[in-house]
Amino acid sequence: MTDFKELVKLRRSHRQFDGNEIDADDLKTIIRAGLMSPTSKGQRGWHFIVVDDKEDINKLADAKDMGSQFLKGAPLAIVVLGDAMRNDCWVEDGSIAAISMQYQAEELGLGTCWIQMRGRGLGDGMDADSIIRGILGIPDNYSVLCVLAVGRKADERKPQNEDKLKWENVHINKF
């Protein structure tokens, strides 16, 4: 097990995957991390859709104009959603769950990348949320926050460079 200080340094976004499937136990461990993530008022209102169907993954990759085509090379996608009518912190709660799953995947030696879908879409005016709801049969009251691409890393990424941390962006007591 990697200590958290090291895990934070190592976790990087990966957009290239070797195509091999994700072990069922690893997937369960990743989803468990999302389910255990903290939420506003303990609501746990997020929902996750695990997608391993290649055709649906390809459709998800085409739900917005830019920044999602690499999803077509991932063996797995996790769609993170919430219901804004039931939880005014659905974006925050879903974000915490998503990064929790990303850190867990990293600890397992897997690569991930967050694909922003909320507020994104296609040039023809079609929004990614509607497209994804149509692909996956999501009820209208749920909104899609992001899609996590998950797979075995096919690229090398250097750890975070601590010399480039923006400590000047940290303020004590006042800005």
C-alpha atoms as a PDB file:
ATOM      1  CA  MET A   1       0.000   0.000   0.000  1.00  0.00           C
ATOM      2  CA  THR A   2       1.261   3.438  -0.938  1.00  0.00           C
ATOM      3  CA  ASP A   3       1.094   6.110   1.753  1.00  0.00           C
ATOM      4  CA  PHE A   4      -1.224   8.981   0.853  1.00  0.00           C
ATOM      5  CA  LYS A   5       1.568  11.561   0.552  1.00  0.00           C
ATOM      6  CA  GLU A   6       3.187   9.421  -2.142  1.00  0.00           C
ATOM      7  CA  LEU A   7      -0.155   8.562  -3.778  1.00  0.00           C
ATOM      8  CA  VAL A   8      -0.970  12.256  -4.236  1.00  0.00           C
ATOM      9  CA  LYS A   9       2.409  12.782  -5.873  1.00  0.00           C
ATOM     10  CA  LEU A  10       1.990   9.798  -8.222  1.00  0.00           C
ATOM     11  CA  ARG A  11      -1.632  10.256  -9.349  1.00  0.00           C
ATOM     12  CA  ARG A  12      -1.700  11.771 -12.821  1.00  0.00           C
ATOM     13  CA  SER A  13      -4.292  11.759 -15.565  1.00  0.00           C
ATOM     14  CA  HIS A  14      -3.816   8.937 -18.054  1.00  0.00           C
ATOM     15  CA  ARG A  15      -5.353   9.006 -21.513  1.00  0.00           C
ATOM     16  CA  GLN A  16      -3.721   5.911 -22.973  1.00  0.00           C
ATOM     17  CA  PHE A  17      -4.697   2.431 -21.876  1.00  0.00           C
ATOM     18  CA  ASP A  18      -3.466  -1.016 -22.862  1.00  0.00           C
ATOM     19  CA  GLY A  19      -6.993  -2.301 -23.570  1.00  0.00           C
ATOM     20  CA  ASN A  20      -6.973  -5.108 -20.991  1.00  0.00           C
ATOM     21  CA  GLU A  21     -10.081  -5.516 -18.871  1.00  0.00           C
ATOM     22  CA  ILE A  22     -10.242  -4.377 -15.268  1.00  0.00           C
ATOM     23  CA  ASP A  23     -10.350  -7.121 -12.664  1.00  0.00           C
ATOM     24  CA  ALA A  24     -13.783  -7.387 -10.986  1.00  0.00           C
ATOM     25  CA  ASP A  25     -12.243  -7.125  -7.503  1.00  0.00           C
ATOM     26  CA  ASP A  26     -10.342  -3.978  -8.509  1.00  0.00           C
ATOM     27  CA  LEU A  27     -13.543  -2.468  -9.907  1.00  0.00           C
ATOM     28  CA  LYS A  28     -15.400  -3.260  -6.688  1.00  0.00           C
ATOM     29  CA  THR A  29     -12.605  -1.626  -4.674  1.00  0.00           C
ATOM     30  CA  ILE A  30     -12.774   1.504  -6.845  1.00  0.00           C
ATOM     31  CA  ILE A  31     -16.559   1.781  -6.558  1.00  0.00           C
ATOM     32  CA  ARG A  32     -16.293   1.155  -2.800  1.00  0.00           C
ATOM     33  CA  ALA A  33     -14.051   4.233  -2.528  1.00  0.00           C
ATOM     34  CA  GLY A  34     -16.736   6.313  -4.236  1.00  0.00           C
ATOM     35  CA  LEU A  35     -19.467   4.894  -2.013  1.00  0.00           C
ATOM     36  CA  MET A  36     -17.428   5.697   1.098  1.00  0.00           C
ATOM     37  CA  SER A  37     -16.660   9.278   0.090  1.00  0.00           C
ATOM     38  CA  PRO A  38     -17.997  12.059   2.316  1.00  0.00           C
ATOM     39  CA  THR A  39     -21.142  13.910   1.258  1.00  0.00           C
ATOM     40  CA  SER A  40     -23.116  16.941   2.376  1.00  0.00           C
ATOM     41  CA  LYS A  41     -25.385  16.011   5.283  1.00  0.00           C
ATOM     42  CA  GLY A  42     -24.502  12.349   4.718  1.00  0.00           C
ATOM     43  CA  GLN A  43     -26.956  12.253   1.798  1.00  0.00           C
ATOM     44  CA  ARG A  44     -24.908   9.937  -0.421  1.00  0.00           C
ATOM     45  CA  GLY A  45     -27.102  11.067  -3.302  1.00  0.00           C
ATOM     46  CA  TRP A  46     -24.706  10.365  -6.132  1.00  0.00           C
ATOM     47  CA  HIS A  47     -25.149   7.502  -8.555  1.00  0.00           C
ATOM     48  CA  PHE A  48     -22.467   5.724 -10.567  1.00  0.00           C
ATOM     49  CA  ILE A  49     -22.969   3.869 -13.820  1.00  0.00           C
ATOM     50  CA  VAL A  50     -20.188   1.428 -14.676  1.00  0.00           C
ATOM     51  CA  VAL A  51     -19.939   1.023 -18.446  1.00  0.00           C
ATOM     52  CA  ASP A  52     -17.853  -1.757 -19.987  1.00  0.00           C
ATOM     53  CA  ASP A  53     -19.794  -2.126 -23.244  1.00  0.00           C
ATOM     54  CA  LYS A  54     -17.397  -0.926 -25.968  1.00  0.00           C
ATOM     55  CA  GLU A  55     -20.165   0.463 -28.161  1.00  0.00           C
ATOM     56  CA  ASP A  56     -21.563   2.568 -25.307  1.00  0.00           C
ATOM     57  CA  ILE A  57     -18.069   3.729 -24.308  1.00  0.00           C
ATOM     58  CA  ASN A  58     -17.527   4.924 -27.886  1.00  0.00           C
ATOM     59  CA  LYS A  59     -20.848   6.790 -27.802  1.00  0.00           C
ATOM     60  CA  LEU A  60     -19.918   8.428 -24.482  1.00  0.00           C
ATOM     61  CA  ALA A  61     -16.633   9.584 -26.037  1.00  0.00           C
ATOM     62  CA  ASP A  62     -18.624  11.349 -28.770  1.00  0.00           C
ATOM     63  CA  ALA A  63     -20.953  13.172 -26.337  1.00  0.00           C
ATOM     64  CA  LYS A  64     -18.902  16.377 -26.544  1.00  0.00           C
ATOM     65  CA  ASP A  65     -16.713  18.080 -29.100  1.00  0.00           C
ATOM     66  CA  MET A  66     -13.323  18.059 -27.408  1.00  0.00           C
ATOM     67  CA  GLY A  67     -11.378  16.257 -24.712  1.00  0.00           C
ATOM     68  CA  SER A  68     -13.126  12.907 -24.645  1.00  0.00           C
ATOM     69  CA  GLN A  69     -12.035  10.893 -27.696  1.00  0.00           C
ATOM     70  CA  PHE A  70      -9.365   9.031 -25.697  1.00  0.00           C
ATOM     71  CA  LEU A  71     -12.211   7.327 -23.785  1.00  0.00           C
ATOM     72  CA  LYS A  72     -12.558   5.027 -26.824  1.00  0.00           C
ATOM     73  CA  GLY A  73      -9.313   3.347 -25.728  1.00  0.00           C
ATOM     74  CA  ALA A  74     -10.461   2.693 -22.167  1.00  0.00           C
ATOM     75  CA  PRO A  75     -11.927  -0.668 -21.170  1.00  0.00           C
ATOM     76  CA  LEU A  76     -14.134   0.959 -18.540  1.00  0.00           C
ATOM     77  CA  ALA A  77     -16.023   4.183 -17.901  1.00  0.00           C
ATOM     78  CA  ILE A  78     -17.652   5.307 -14.675  1.00  0.00           C
ATOM     79  CA  VAL A  79     -20.372   7.922 -15.117  1.00  0.00           C
ATOM     80  CA  VAL A  80     -20.951  10.094 -12.038  1.00  0.00           C
ATOM     81  CA  LEU A  81     -24.368  11.707 -11.653  1.00  0.00           C
ATOM     82  CA  GLY A  82     -26.652  13.370  -9.165  1.00  0.00           C
ATOM     83  CA  ASP A  83     -30.117  14.798  -8.669  1.00  0.00           C
ATOM     84  CA  ALA A  84     -29.998  18.593  -8.203  1.00  0.00           C
ATOM     85  CA  MET A  85     -33.600  18.662  -6.952  1.00  0.00           C
ATOM     86  CA  ARG A  86     -32.734  16.400  -4.019  1.00  0.00           C
ATOM     87  CA  ASN A  87     -29.234  17.638  -3.255  1.00  0.00           C
ATOM     88  CA  ASP A  88     -27.958  21.186  -3.738  1.00  0.00           C
ATOM     89  CA  CYS A  89     -24.383  19.892  -3.289  1.00  0.00           C
ATOM     90  CA  TRP A  90     -24.587  17.174  -5.923  1.00  0.00           C
ATOM     91  CA  VAL A  91     -21.671  18.640  -7.910  1.00  0.00           C
ATOM     92  CA  GLU A  92     -19.426  18.817  -4.855  1.00  0.00           C
ATOM     93  CA  ASP A  93     -20.461  15.371  -3.599  1.00  0.00           C
ATOM     94  CA  GLY A  94     -19.974  13.819  -7.030  1.00  0.00           C
ATOM     95  CA  SER A  95     -16.573  15.513  -7.387  1.00  0.00           C
ATOM     96  CA  ILE A  96     -15.388  14.132  -4.051  1.00  0.00           C
ATOM     97  CA  ALA A  97     -16.601  10.650  -5.013  1.00  0.00           C
ATOM     98  CA  ALA A  98     -14.893  10.857  -8.420  1.00  0.00           C
ATOM     99  CA  ILE A  99     -11.504  11.865  -7.035  1.00  0.00           C
ATOM    100  CA  SER A 100     -11.811   9.228  -4.315  1.00  0.00           C
ATOM    101  CA  MET A 101     -12.271   6.616  -7.040  1.00  0.00           C
ATOM    102  CA  GLN A 102      -9.326   8.065  -8.982  1.00  0.00           C
ATOM    103  CA  TYR A 103      -6.992   7.859  -5.988  1.00  0.00           C
ATOM    104  CA  GLN A 104      -8.152   4.303  -5.291  1.00  0.00           C
ATOM    105  CA  ALA A 105      -7.510   3.312  -8.892  1.00  0.00           C
ATOM    106  CA  GLU A 106      -4.024   4.818  -8.690  1.00  0.00           C
ATOM    107  CA  GLU A 107      -3.308   2.854  -5.524  1.00  0.00           C
ATOM    108  CA  LEU A 108      -4.267  -0.288  -7.469  1.00  0.00           C
ATOM    109  CA  GLY A 109      -1.847   0.671 -10.253  1.00  0.00           C
ATOM    110  CA  LEU A 110      -4.575   1.711 -12.700  1.00  0.00           C
ATOM    111  CA  GLY A 111      -4.855   4.922 -14.682  1.00  0.00           C
ATOM    112  CA  THR A 112      -7.815   7.279 -14.788  1.00  0.00           C
ATOM    113  CA  CYS A 113      -8.826  10.568 -16.320  1.00  0.00           C
ATOM    114  CA  TRP A 114     -11.753  12.831 -15.435  1.00  0.00           C
ATOM    115  CA  ILE A 115     -13.808  13.836 -18.473  1.00  0.00           C
ATOM    116  CA  GLN A 116     -15.922  16.899 -17.704  1.00  0.00           C
ATOM    117  CA  MET A 117     -19.455  16.540 -19.063  1.00  0.00           C
ATOM    118  CA  ARG A 118     -21.518  19.017 -17.016  1.00  0.00           C
ATOM    119  CA  GLY A 119     -21.886  22.153 -19.094  1.00  0.00           C
ATOM    120  CA  ARG A 120     -20.307  20.590 -22.177  1.00  0.00           C
ATOM    121  CA  GLY A 121     -21.715  19.382 -25.473  1.00  0.00           C
ATOM    122  CA  LEU A 122     -21.548  19.440 -29.228  1.00  0.00           C
ATOM    123  CA  GLY A 123     -21.257  22.407 -31.572  1.00  0.00           C
ATOM    124  CA  ASP A 124     -24.780  21.788 -32.841  1.00  0.00           C
ATOM    125  CA  GLY A 125     -26.169  22.809 -29.438  1.00  0.00           C
ATOM    126  CA  MET A 126     -26.791  19.299 -28.123  1.00  0.00           C
ATOM    127  CA  ASP A 127     -25.601  19.053 -24.520  1.00  0.00           C
ATOM    128  CA  ALA A 128     -23.516  16.109 -23.291  1.00  0.00           C
ATOM    129  CA  ASP A 129     -25.900  15.518 -20.392  1.00  0.00           C
ATOM    130  CA  SER A 130     -28.856  14.814 -22.704  1.00  0.00           C
ATOM    131  CA  ILE A 131     -26.748  12.648 -24.992  1.00  0.00           C
ATOM    132  CA  ILE A 132     -25.443  10.518 -22.108  1.00  0.00           C
ATOM    133  CA  ARG A 133     -28.873  10.222 -20.514  1.00  0.00           C
ATOM    134  CA  GLY A 134     -30.131   8.873 -23.843  1.00  0.00           C
ATOM    135  CA  ILE A 135     -27.277   6.383 -24.221  1.00  0.00           C
ATOM    136  CA  LEU A 136     -27.576   4.970 -20.706  1.00  0.00           C
ATOM    137  CA  GLY A 137     -31.307   5.381 -20.005  1.00  0.00           C
ATOM    138  CA  ILE A 138     -30.788   7.861 -17.174  1.00  0.00           C
ATOM    139  CA  PRO A 139     -33.998   9.477 -15.837  1.00  0.00           C
ATOM    140  CA  ASP A 140     -34.448  13.188 -16.594  1.00  0.00           C
ATOM    141  CA  ASN A 141     -34.084  14.266 -12.957  1.00  0.00           C
ATOM    142  CA  TYR A 142     -30.416  13.153 -12.881  1.00  0.00           C
ATOM    143  CA  SER A 143     -27.558  15.185 -14.304  1.00  0.00           C
ATOM    144  CA  VAL A 144     -24.192  13.912 -15.462  1.00  0.00           C
ATOM    145  CA  LEU A 145     -21.161  15.468 -13.793  1.00  0.00           C
ATOM    146  CA  CYS A 146     -18.305  13.554 -15.391  1.00  0.00           C
ATOM    147  CA  VAL A 147     -17.121  10.319 -16.882  1.00  0.00           C
ATOM    148  CA  LEU A 148     -14.022   8.636 -15.490  1.00  0.00           C
ATOM    149  CA  ALA A 149     -11.945   6.717 -18.000  1.00  0.00           C
ATOM    150  CA  VAL A 150     -10.353   3.746 -16.217  1.00  0.00           C
ATOM    151  CA  GLY A 151      -7.776   1.308 -17.514  1.00  0.00           C
ATOM    152  CA  ARG A 152      -4.325  -0.173 -17.268  1.00  0.00           C
ATOM    153  CA  LYS A 153      -1.787   2.547 -18.035  1.00  0.00           C
ATOM    154  CA  ALA A 154      -0.159   2.422 -21.466  1.00  0.00           C
ATOM    155  CA  ASP A 155       1.779   5.644 -20.974  1.00  0.00           C
ATOM    156  CA  GLU A 156       4.382   6.843 -18.508  1.00  0.00           C
ATOM    157  CA  ARG A 157       3.759   9.975 -16.475  1.00  0.00           C
ATOM    158  CA  LYS A 158       6.310  11.519 -14.181  1.00  0.00           C
ATOM    159  CA  PRO A 159       5.231  12.156 -10.578  1.00  0.00           C
ATOM    160  CA  GLN A 160       4.161  15.672  -9.656  1.00  0.00           C
ATOM    161  CA  ASN A 161       7.135  18.033  -9.429  1.00  0.00           C
ATOM    162  CA  GLU A 162       7.104  19.444  -5.911  1.00  0.00           C
ATOM    163  CA  ASP A 163       9.348  22.324  -7.032  1.00  0.00           C
ATOM    164  CA  LYS A 164       6.450  23.582  -9.154  1.00  0.00           C
ATOM    165  CA  LEU A 165       3.856  23.664  -6.373  1.00  0.00           C
ATOM    166  CA  LYS A 166       2.225  27.095  -6.238  1.00  0.00           C
ATOM    167  CA  TRP A 167       2.742  27.831  -2.563  1.00  0.00           C
ATOM    168  CA  GLU A 168       2.191  31.510  -3.389  1.00  0.00           C
ATOM    169  CA  ASN A 169      -1.484  30.645  -3.902  1.00  0.00           C
ATOM    170  CA  VAL A 170      -1.817  29.688  -0.227  1.00  0.00           C
ATOM    171  CA  HIS A 171      -2.834  32.514   2.082  1.00  0.00           C
ATOM    172  CA  ILE A 172      -2.894  32.570   5.873  1.00  0.00           C
ATOM    173  CA  ASN A 173      -5.780  34.378   7.572  1.00  0.00           C
ATOM    174  CA  LYS A 174      -6.305  36.908   4.741  1.00  0.00           C
ATOM    175  CA  PHE A 175      -5.739  37.133   1.025  1.00  0.00           C
END
